Amino acid sequence: MESFLLERMKKLKGFFMIRGLLLLVCLMSFGLGYDERSGEYYAPQSTYHPLYEERRNRLLGIYGSYSKSDSDADLHIAGYESQTHSLSEKQFGFGVQAGYLLSENHRILANFEHHLKKNGFSYQVLTLGFAWTPKIPNTTDWRALLGLNAGLAQAKFDSGSFVIAESAMGSLDYMGFTYGVKAGAIYALGNGELEFGIQARRLNFGEEKSSVNINGTESATKLDLSQTSSIDVYVGYNFLF
């Protein structure tokens, strides 16, 4: 009888040990977040951003903007002293951006913007940038945005839009570079995010040659737009996928 009880206790002990080991394995698998389908480990999910909630780290967005551009434009006319003209223009524009979220707080972005023609002047920029998007304390859906970018800038004056001594210059086509910074906020939505902010940009369009008729004589001209800058406010929507 005693040997029977001892054997029975050994079996029960082995049974509970096996169940304990199985429970430990389950807990370890759950804690590590092991995905049997892919065979890879993934980090515990975050409640802060769709990047970690649903593995959405690609971004495609569209936005509208309103900008004020200023330029200390140097005008050179053959046979005359150079002049500096303070040019200023306020324009509406639109842009598209594509990006990749490296993490919750870091993303890279490519942007194309077109600023609509006004008084014969329009310009476009194509930039590549980086943004830092930390979570705003004591909120669940809000993030700050701080970024910098650089790229190409193109501008155009239509023929006849720049007048000197009652004579109009021909078409001016510029190609240069730009760099800038931006600051704003992001509000997380179901499948994307609302983004708005302000950006300051330096625009070095360079100089372009043309000609103008002065007192019946065709004179060579150059208009230098190297010293150009802009301040923009913008609002848009980013779709995460």
C-alpha atoms as a PDB file:
ATOM      1  CA  MET A   1       0.000   0.000   0.000  1.00  0.00           C
ATOM      2  CA  GLU A   2       2.810   2.399   0.878  1.00  0.00           C
ATOM      3  CA  SER A   3       4.663   1.716  -2.383  1.00  0.00           C
ATOM      4  CA  PHE A   4       1.427   2.321  -4.324  1.00  0.00           C
ATOM      5  CA  LEU A   5       0.947   5.720  -2.669  1.00  0.00           C
ATOM      6  CA  LEU A   6       4.558   6.697  -3.349  1.00  0.00           C
ATOM      7  CA  GLU A   7       4.224   5.735  -6.992  1.00  0.00           C
ATOM      8  CA  ARG A   8       0.960   7.687  -7.232  1.00  0.00           C
ATOM      9  CA  MET A   9       2.549  10.790  -5.704  1.00  0.00           C
ATOM     10  CA  LYS A  10       5.457  10.585  -8.145  1.00  0.00           C
ATOM     11  CA  LYS A  11       3.022  10.507 -11.077  1.00  0.00           C
ATOM     12  CA  LEU A  12       1.082  13.488  -9.744  1.00  0.00           C
ATOM     13  CA  LYS A  13       4.329  15.396  -9.180  1.00  0.00           C
ATOM     14  CA  GLY A  14       5.440  14.684 -12.736  1.00  0.00           C
ATOM     15  CA  PHE A  15       2.038  15.755 -14.056  1.00  0.00           C
ATOM     16  CA  PHE A  16       2.157  19.106 -12.247  1.00  0.00           C
ATOM     17  CA  MET A  17       5.762  19.668 -13.329  1.00  0.00           C
ATOM     18  CA  ILE A  18       4.808  19.163 -16.986  1.00  0.00           C
ATOM     19  CA  ARG A  19       1.856  21.519 -16.670  1.00  0.00           C
ATOM     20  CA  GLY A  20       4.088  24.094 -14.968  1.00  0.00           C
ATOM     21  CA  LEU A  21       6.646  23.894 -17.765  1.00  0.00           C
ATOM     22  CA  LEU A  22       3.932  24.294 -20.398  1.00  0.00           C
ATOM     23  CA  LEU A  23       2.585  27.355 -18.585  1.00  0.00           C
ATOM     24  CA  LEU A  24       6.087  28.853 -18.359  1.00  0.00           C
ATOM     25  CA  VAL A  25       6.637  28.326 -22.103  1.00  0.00           C
ATOM     26  CA  CYS A  26       3.318  30.022 -22.889  1.00  0.00           C
ATOM     27  CA  LEU A  27       4.175  33.000 -20.705  1.00  0.00           C
ATOM     28  CA  MET A  28       7.605  33.358 -22.300  1.00  0.00           C
ATOM     29  CA  SER A  29       6.134  33.175 -25.801  1.00  0.00           C
ATOM     30  CA  PHE A  30       3.573  35.816 -24.958  1.00  0.00           C
ATOM     31  CA  GLY A  31       6.158  38.084 -23.335  1.00  0.00           C
ATOM     32  CA  LEU A  32       8.575  37.931 -26.243  1.00  0.00           C
ATOM     33  CA  GLY A  33       5.844  38.454 -28.793  1.00  0.00           C
ATOM     34  CA  TYR A  34       6.805  35.557 -31.031  1.00  0.00           C
ATOM     35  CA  ASP A  35       4.997  35.375 -34.389  1.00  0.00           C
ATOM     36  CA  GLU A  36       4.845  31.734 -35.550  1.00  0.00           C
ATOM     37  CA  ARG A  37       3.746  32.709 -39.071  1.00  0.00           C
ATOM     38  CA  SER A  38       6.794  34.813 -39.833  1.00  0.00           C
ATOM     39  CA  GLY A  39       9.243  33.204 -37.415  1.00  0.00           C
ATOM     40  CA  GLU A  40      10.361  36.601 -36.169  1.00  0.00           C
ATOM     41  CA  TYR A  41      10.161  38.463 -32.909  1.00  0.00           C
ATOM     42  CA  TYR A  42       8.467  41.808 -32.734  1.00  0.00           C
ATOM     43  CA  ALA A  43       8.416  44.455 -30.066  1.00  0.00           C
ATOM     44  CA  PRO A  44       5.397  44.850 -27.766  1.00  0.00           C
ATOM     45  CA  GLN A  45       2.744  47.049 -29.303  1.00  0.00           C
ATOM     46  CA  SER A  46       2.617  50.735 -28.469  1.00  0.00           C
ATOM     47  CA  THR A  47      -0.527  52.743 -27.862  1.00  0.00           C
ATOM     48  CA  TYR A  48       1.026  55.931 -29.249  1.00  0.00           C
ATOM     49  CA  HIS A  49       1.036  55.618 -33.015  1.00  0.00           C
ATOM     50  CA  PRO A  50      -0.393  53.471 -35.858  1.00  0.00           C
ATOM     51  CA  LEU A  51       3.201  52.627 -36.796  1.00  0.00           C
ATOM     52  CA  TYR A  52       3.318  50.227 -33.850  1.00  0.00           C
ATOM     53  CA  GLU A  53      -0.358  49.498 -33.502  1.00  0.00           C
ATOM     54  CA  GLU A  54      -0.885  48.211 -37.053  1.00  0.00           C
ATOM     55  CA  ARG A  55       2.616  48.196 -38.546  1.00  0.00           C
ATOM     56  CA  ARG A  56       1.928  51.220 -40.804  1.00  0.00           C
ATOM     57  CA  ASN A  57       5.189  52.961 -41.584  1.00  0.00           C
ATOM     58  CA  ARG A  58       4.653  54.428 -45.064  1.00  0.00           C
ATOM     59  CA  LEU A  59       3.129  57.856 -45.546  1.00  0.00           C
ATOM     60  CA  LEU A  60       1.430  59.655 -48.417  1.00  0.00           C
ATOM     61  CA  GLY A  61       0.009  63.137 -47.861  1.00  0.00           C
ATOM     62  CA  ILE A  62      -1.410  66.225 -49.508  1.00  0.00           C
ATOM     63  CA  TYR A  63      -1.548  69.764 -48.120  1.00  0.00           C
ATOM     64  CA  GLY A  64      -2.408  73.345 -48.953  1.00  0.00           C
ATOM     65  CA  SER A  65      -0.277  76.367 -48.111  1.00  0.00           C
ATOM     66  CA  TYR A  66      -0.210  80.143 -48.041  1.00  0.00           C
ATOM     67  CA  SER A  67       3.194  81.771 -48.422  1.00  0.00           C
ATOM     68  CA  LYS A  68       4.814  85.185 -48.367  1.00  0.00           C
ATOM     69  CA  SER A  69       7.976  85.452 -50.469  1.00  0.00           C
ATOM     70  CA  ASP A  70      10.461  88.321 -50.264  1.00  0.00           C
ATOM     71  CA  SER A  71      13.501  88.995 -52.416  1.00  0.00           C
ATOM     72  CA  ASP A  72      16.240  91.622 -52.590  1.00  0.00           C
ATOM     73  CA  ALA A  73      16.462  91.292 -56.367  1.00  0.00           C
ATOM     74  CA  ASP A  74      19.527  92.756 -58.069  1.00  0.00           C
ATOM     75  CA  LEU A  75      18.807  94.105 -61.561  1.00  0.00           C
ATOM     76  CA  HIS A  76      21.713  94.618 -63.974  1.00  0.00           C
ATOM     77  CA  ILE A  77      21.136  96.512 -67.244  1.00  0.00           C
ATOM     78  CA  ALA A  78      23.955  96.884 -69.738  1.00  0.00           C
ATOM     79  CA  GLY A  79      25.289 100.441 -69.633  1.00  0.00           C
ATOM     80  CA  TYR A  80      23.568 101.307 -66.336  1.00  0.00           C
ATOM     81  CA  GLU A  81      24.372 100.938 -62.663  1.00  0.00           C
ATOM     82  CA  SER A  82      22.883  97.918 -60.966  1.00  0.00           C
ATOM     83  CA  GLN A  83      19.735  98.382 -58.903  1.00  0.00           C
ATOM     84  CA  THR A  84      18.215  96.481 -55.997  1.00  0.00           C
ATOM     85  CA  HIS A  85      14.457  95.949 -56.011  1.00  0.00           C
ATOM     86  CA  SER A  86      12.565  94.666 -52.982  1.00  0.00           C
ATOM     87  CA  LEU A  87      10.080  92.178 -54.382  1.00  0.00           C
ATOM     88  CA  SER A  88       7.297  90.659 -52.307  1.00  0.00           C
ATOM     89  CA  GLU A  89       4.489  88.277 -53.209  1.00  0.00           C
ATOM     90  CA  LYS A  90       1.762  86.380 -51.331  1.00  0.00           C
ATOM     91  CA  GLN A  91       0.664  83.134 -52.953  1.00  0.00           C
ATOM     92  CA  PHE A  92      -1.481  80.074 -52.364  1.00  0.00           C
ATOM     93  CA  GLY A  93       0.001  76.698 -53.103  1.00  0.00           C
ATOM     94  CA  PHE A  94      -0.382  72.970 -52.694  1.00  0.00           C
ATOM     95  CA  GLY A  95       1.984  70.093 -52.055  1.00  0.00           C
ATOM     96  CA  VAL A  96       2.323  66.337 -51.866  1.00  0.00           C
ATOM     97  CA  GLN A  97       4.631  64.382 -49.604  1.00  0.00           C
ATOM     98  CA  ALA A  98       5.767  60.782 -49.324  1.00  0.00           C
ATOM     99  CA  GLY A  99       7.619  59.442 -46.349  1.00  0.00           C
ATOM    100  CA  TYR A 100       8.772  56.555 -44.233  1.00  0.00           C
ATOM    101  CA  LEU A 101       8.398  56.377 -40.449  1.00  0.00           C
ATOM    102  CA  LEU A 102      11.675  55.109 -39.045  1.00  0.00           C
ATOM    103  CA  SER A 103      10.147  54.961 -35.565  1.00  0.00           C
ATOM    104  CA  GLU A 104       7.478  56.671 -33.498  1.00  0.00           C
ATOM    105  CA  ASN A 105       9.595  59.811 -33.242  1.00  0.00           C
ATOM    106  CA  HIS A 106      11.555  59.951 -36.503  1.00  0.00           C
ATOM    107  CA  ARG A 107      10.579  60.076 -40.163  1.00  0.00           C
ATOM    108  CA  ILE A 108      12.082  60.935 -43.541  1.00  0.00           C
ATOM    109  CA  LEU A 109      10.022  62.916 -46.067  1.00  0.00           C
ATOM    110  CA  ALA A 110      10.126  63.859 -49.742  1.00  0.00           C
ATOM    111  CA  ASN A 111       8.025  66.904 -50.705  1.00  0.00           C
ATOM    112  CA  PHE A 112       6.938  68.607 -53.901  1.00  0.00           C
ATOM    113  CA  GLU A 113       5.262  72.028 -53.679  1.00  0.00           C
ATOM    114  CA  HIS A 114       3.792  74.275 -56.341  1.00  0.00           C
ATOM    115  CA  HIS A 115       3.051  77.902 -55.487  1.00  0.00           C
ATOM    116  CA  LEU A 116       0.385  79.296 -57.788  1.00  0.00           C
ATOM    117  CA  LYS A 117       1.126  82.056 -60.247  1.00  0.00           C
ATOM    118  CA  LYS A 118       0.522  85.636 -59.172  1.00  0.00           C
ATOM    119  CA  ASN A 119       1.521  88.726 -61.161  1.00  0.00           C
ATOM    120  CA  GLY A 120       3.262  86.401 -63.589  1.00  0.00           C
ATOM    121  CA  PHE A 121       5.482  84.782 -60.921  1.00  0.00           C
ATOM    122  CA  SER A 122       5.325  81.177 -59.710  1.00  0.00           C
ATOM    123  CA  TYR A 123       7.755  78.709 -58.160  1.00  0.00           C
ATOM    124  CA  GLN A 124       8.141  75.046 -57.192  1.00  0.00           C
ATOM    125  CA  VAL A 125      10.370  73.180 -54.748  1.00  0.00           C
ATOM    126  CA  LEU A 126      11.395  69.529 -54.511  1.00  0.00           C
ATOM    127  CA  THR A 127      12.956  68.642 -51.147  1.00  0.00           C
ATOM    128  CA  LEU A 128      14.140  65.742 -49.030  1.00  0.00           C
ATOM    129  CA  GLY A 129      13.943  66.129 -45.270  1.00  0.00           C
ATOM    130  CA  PHE A 130      13.927  64.666 -41.788  1.00  0.00           C
ATOM    131  CA  ALA A 131      11.376  65.279 -39.031  1.00  0.00           C
ATOM    132  CA  TRP A 132      11.313  64.618 -35.306  1.00  0.00           C
ATOM    133  CA  THR A 133       7.808  63.904 -33.967  1.00  0.00           C
ATOM    134  CA  PRO A 134       7.823  63.488 -30.165  1.00  0.00           C
ATOM    135  CA  LYS A 135       4.581  62.799 -28.333  1.00  0.00           C
ATOM    136  CA  ILE A 136       3.144  65.882 -26.620  1.00  0.00           C
ATOM    137  CA  PRO A 137       3.014  65.204 -22.856  1.00  0.00           C
ATOM    138  CA  ASN A 138      -0.379  64.486 -21.262  1.00  0.00           C
ATOM    139  CA  THR A 139      -2.011  63.722 -24.624  1.00  0.00           C
ATOM    140  CA  THR A 140      -2.795  60.494 -26.476  1.00  0.00           C
ATOM    141  CA  ASP A 141      -3.236  61.655 -30.089  1.00  0.00           C
ATOM    142  CA  TRP A 142      -1.019  64.741 -30.407  1.00  0.00           C
ATOM    143  CA  ARG A 143       2.598  64.975 -31.534  1.00  0.00           C
ATOM    144  CA  ALA A 144       4.916  67.906 -32.103  1.00  0.00           C
ATOM    145  CA  LEU A 145       6.789  68.168 -35.400  1.00  0.00           C
ATOM    146  CA  LEU A 146      10.240  69.697 -35.927  1.00  0.00           C
ATOM    147  CA  GLY A 147      11.914  69.233 -39.285  1.00  0.00           C
ATOM    148  CA  LEU A 148      14.533  70.393 -41.736  1.00  0.00           C
ATOM    149  CA  ASN A 149      14.817  69.908 -45.484  1.00  0.00           C
ATOM    150  CA  ALA A 150      16.811  70.832 -48.572  1.00  0.00           C
ATOM    151  CA  GLY A 151      16.447  70.422 -52.314  1.00  0.00           C
ATOM    152  CA  LEU A 152      15.845  72.083 -55.679  1.00  0.00           C
ATOM    153  CA  ALA A 153      13.906  75.267 -56.407  1.00  0.00           C
ATOM    154  CA  GLN A 154      12.509  76.481 -59.722  1.00  0.00           C
ATOM    155  CA  ALA A 155      10.873  79.833 -60.457  1.00  0.00           C
ATOM    156  CA  LYS A 156       9.449  81.637 -63.464  1.00  0.00           C
ATOM    157  CA  PHE A 157       8.490  85.155 -64.499  1.00  0.00           C
ATOM    158  CA  ASP A 158       6.156  85.115 -67.485  1.00  0.00           C
ATOM    159  CA  SER A 159       7.168  87.200 -70.480  1.00  0.00           C
ATOM    160  CA  GLY A 160       6.093  90.802 -69.902  1.00  0.00           C
ATOM    161  CA  SER A 161       5.508  90.435 -66.142  1.00  0.00           C
ATOM    162  CA  PHE A 162       8.649  92.361 -65.113  1.00  0.00           C
ATOM    163  CA  VAL A 163       8.563  95.921 -66.470  1.00  0.00           C
ATOM    164  CA  ILE A 164      11.485  98.376 -66.654  1.00  0.00           C
ATOM    165  CA  ALA A 165      10.991 101.936 -67.892  1.00  0.00           C
ATOM    166  CA  GLU A 166       7.652 100.939 -69.430  1.00  0.00           C
ATOM    167  CA  SER A 167       9.319  98.101 -71.346  1.00  0.00           C
ATOM    168  CA  ALA A 168       8.757  94.460 -70.439  1.00  0.00           C
ATOM    169  CA  MET A 169      11.454  91.830 -70.061  1.00  0.00           C
ATOM    170  CA  GLY A 170      11.106  88.450 -71.704  1.00  0.00           C
ATOM    171  CA  SER A 171      10.383  85.205 -69.885  1.00  0.00           C
ATOM    172  CA  LEU A 172      12.729  84.376 -67.008  1.00  0.00           C
ATOM    173  CA  ASP A 173      13.251  80.745 -65.948  1.00  0.00           C
ATOM    174  CA  TYR A 174      15.248  80.054 -62.786  1.00  0.00           C
ATOM    175  CA  MET A 175      16.722  76.883 -61.330  1.00  0.00           C
ATOM    176  CA  GLY A 176      18.463  76.896 -57.949  1.00  0.00           C
ATOM    177  CA  PHE A 177      18.381  75.319 -54.501  1.00  0.00           C
ATOM    178  CA  THR A 178      16.521  75.705 -51.239  1.00  0.00           C
ATOM    179  CA  TYR A 179      16.783  74.748 -47.575  1.00  0.00           C
ATOM    180  CA  GLY A 180      14.537  75.353 -44.626  1.00  0.00           C
ATOM    181  CA  VAL A 181      13.010  74.361 -41.311  1.00  0.00           C
ATOM    182  CA  LYS A 182       9.461  73.715 -40.181  1.00  0.00           C
ATOM    183  CA  ALA A 183       7.553  73.338 -36.929  1.00  0.00           C
ATOM    184  CA  GLY A 184       4.024  72.168 -36.319  1.00  0.00           C
ATOM    185  CA  ALA A 185       1.774  69.538 -34.802  1.00  0.00           C
ATOM    186  CA  ILE A 186       0.286  66.182 -35.796  1.00  0.00           C
ATOM    187  CA  TYR A 187      -3.085  64.805 -34.699  1.00  0.00           C
ATOM    188  CA  ALA A 188      -3.507  61.034 -35.097  1.00  0.00           C
ATOM    189  CA  LEU A 189      -6.714  59.834 -36.773  1.00  0.00           C
ATOM    190  CA  GLY A 190      -8.055  56.390 -37.590  1.00  0.00           C
ATOM    191  CA  ASN A 191      -6.036  55.624 -40.722  1.00  0.00           C
ATOM    192  CA  GLY A 192      -3.801  58.668 -40.869  1.00  0.00           C
ATOM    193  CA  GLU A 193      -3.005  62.004 -39.322  1.00  0.00           C
ATOM    194  CA  LEU A 194      -3.779  65.698 -39.632  1.00  0.00           C
ATOM    195  CA  GLU A 195      -0.647  67.848 -39.953  1.00  0.00           C
ATOM    196  CA  PHE A 196      -0.331  71.624 -39.785  1.00  0.00           C
ATOM    197  CA  GLY A 197       2.443  74.086 -39.118  1.00  0.00           C
ATOM    198  CA  ILE A 198       4.717  76.837 -40.353  1.00  0.00           C
ATOM    199  CA  GLN A 199       7.937  76.647 -42.349  1.00  0.00           C
ATOM    200  CA  ALA A 200      10.693  79.116 -43.164  1.00  0.00           C
ATOM    201  CA  ARG A 201      12.699  78.618 -46.335  1.00  0.00           C
ATOM    202  CA  ARG A 202      15.702  80.147 -48.059  1.00  0.00           C
ATOM    203  CA  LEU A 203      15.384  80.199 -51.852  1.00  0.00           C
ATOM    204  CA  ASN A 204      18.465  80.744 -53.960  1.00  0.00           C
ATOM    205  CA  PHE A 205      17.114  80.915 -57.507  1.00  0.00           C
ATOM    206  CA  GLY A 206      20.325  82.403 -58.902  1.00  0.00           C
ATOM    207  CA  GLU A 207      20.231  84.860 -61.818  1.00  0.00           C
ATOM    208  CA  GLU A 208      18.677  84.815 -65.281  1.00  0.00           C
ATOM    209  CA  LYS A 209      19.507  86.822 -68.398  1.00  0.00           C
ATOM    210  CA  SER A 210      17.051  88.580 -70.695  1.00  0.00           C
ATOM    211  CA  SER A 211      16.760  91.886 -72.561  1.00  0.00           C
ATOM    212  CA  VAL A 212      14.656  95.017 -72.516  1.00  0.00           C
ATOM    213  CA  ASN A 213      14.048  97.832 -74.948  1.00  0.00           C
ATOM    214  CA  ILE A 214      15.181 101.178 -73.493  1.00  0.00           C
ATOM    215  CA  ASN A 215      14.747 104.301 -75.650  1.00  0.00           C
ATOM    216  CA  GLY A 216      14.600 102.184 -78.781  1.00  0.00           C
ATOM    217  CA  THR A 217      17.740 100.204 -77.942  1.00  0.00           C
ATOM    218  CA  GLU A 218      17.698  96.535 -76.947  1.00  0.00           C
ATOM    219  CA  SER A 219      19.741  96.211 -73.774  1.00  0.00           C
ATOM    220  CA  ALA A 220      20.920  93.016 -72.071  1.00  0.00           C
ATOM    221  CA  THR A 221      19.609  92.472 -68.545  1.00  0.00           C
ATOM    222  CA  LYS A 222      20.182  90.117 -65.611  1.00  0.00           C
ATOM    223  CA  LEU A 223      17.834  89.676 -62.681  1.00  0.00           C
ATOM    224  CA  ASP A 224      19.406  88.038 -59.633  1.00  0.00           C
ATOM    225  CA  LEU A 225      17.006  86.276 -57.201  1.00  0.00           C
ATOM    226  CA  SER A 226      19.652  84.668 -55.005  1.00  0.00           C
ATOM    227  CA  GLN A 227      18.489  86.559 -51.905  1.00  0.00           C
ATOM    228  CA  THR A 228      14.953  85.182 -51.671  1.00  0.00           C
ATOM    229  CA  SER A 229      13.116  83.735 -48.658  1.00  0.00           C
ATOM    230  CA  SER A 230       9.600  82.649 -47.784  1.00  0.00           C
ATOM    231  CA  ILE A 231       7.381  81.975 -44.785  1.00  0.00           C
ATOM    232  CA  ASP A 232       4.582  79.424 -45.273  1.00  0.00           C
ATOM    233  CA  VAL A 233       1.675  78.188 -43.211  1.00  0.00           C
ATOM    234  CA  TYR A 234       0.187  74.851 -44.236  1.00  0.00           C
ATOM    235  CA  VAL A 235      -2.377  72.213 -43.312  1.00  0.00           C
ATOM    236  CA  GLY A 236      -2.795  68.745 -44.760  1.00  0.00           C
ATOM    237  CA  TYR A 237      -3.696  65.093 -44.306  1.00  0.00           C
ATOM    238  CA  ASN A 238      -1.296  62.112 -44.267  1.00  0.00           C
ATOM    239  CA  PHE A 239      -2.497  58.601 -45.071  1.00  0.00           C
ATOM    240  CA  LEU A 240      -0.526  55.837 -43.341  1.00  0.00           C
ATOM    241  CA  PHE A 241      -0.306  52.409 -44.935  1.00  0.00           C
END
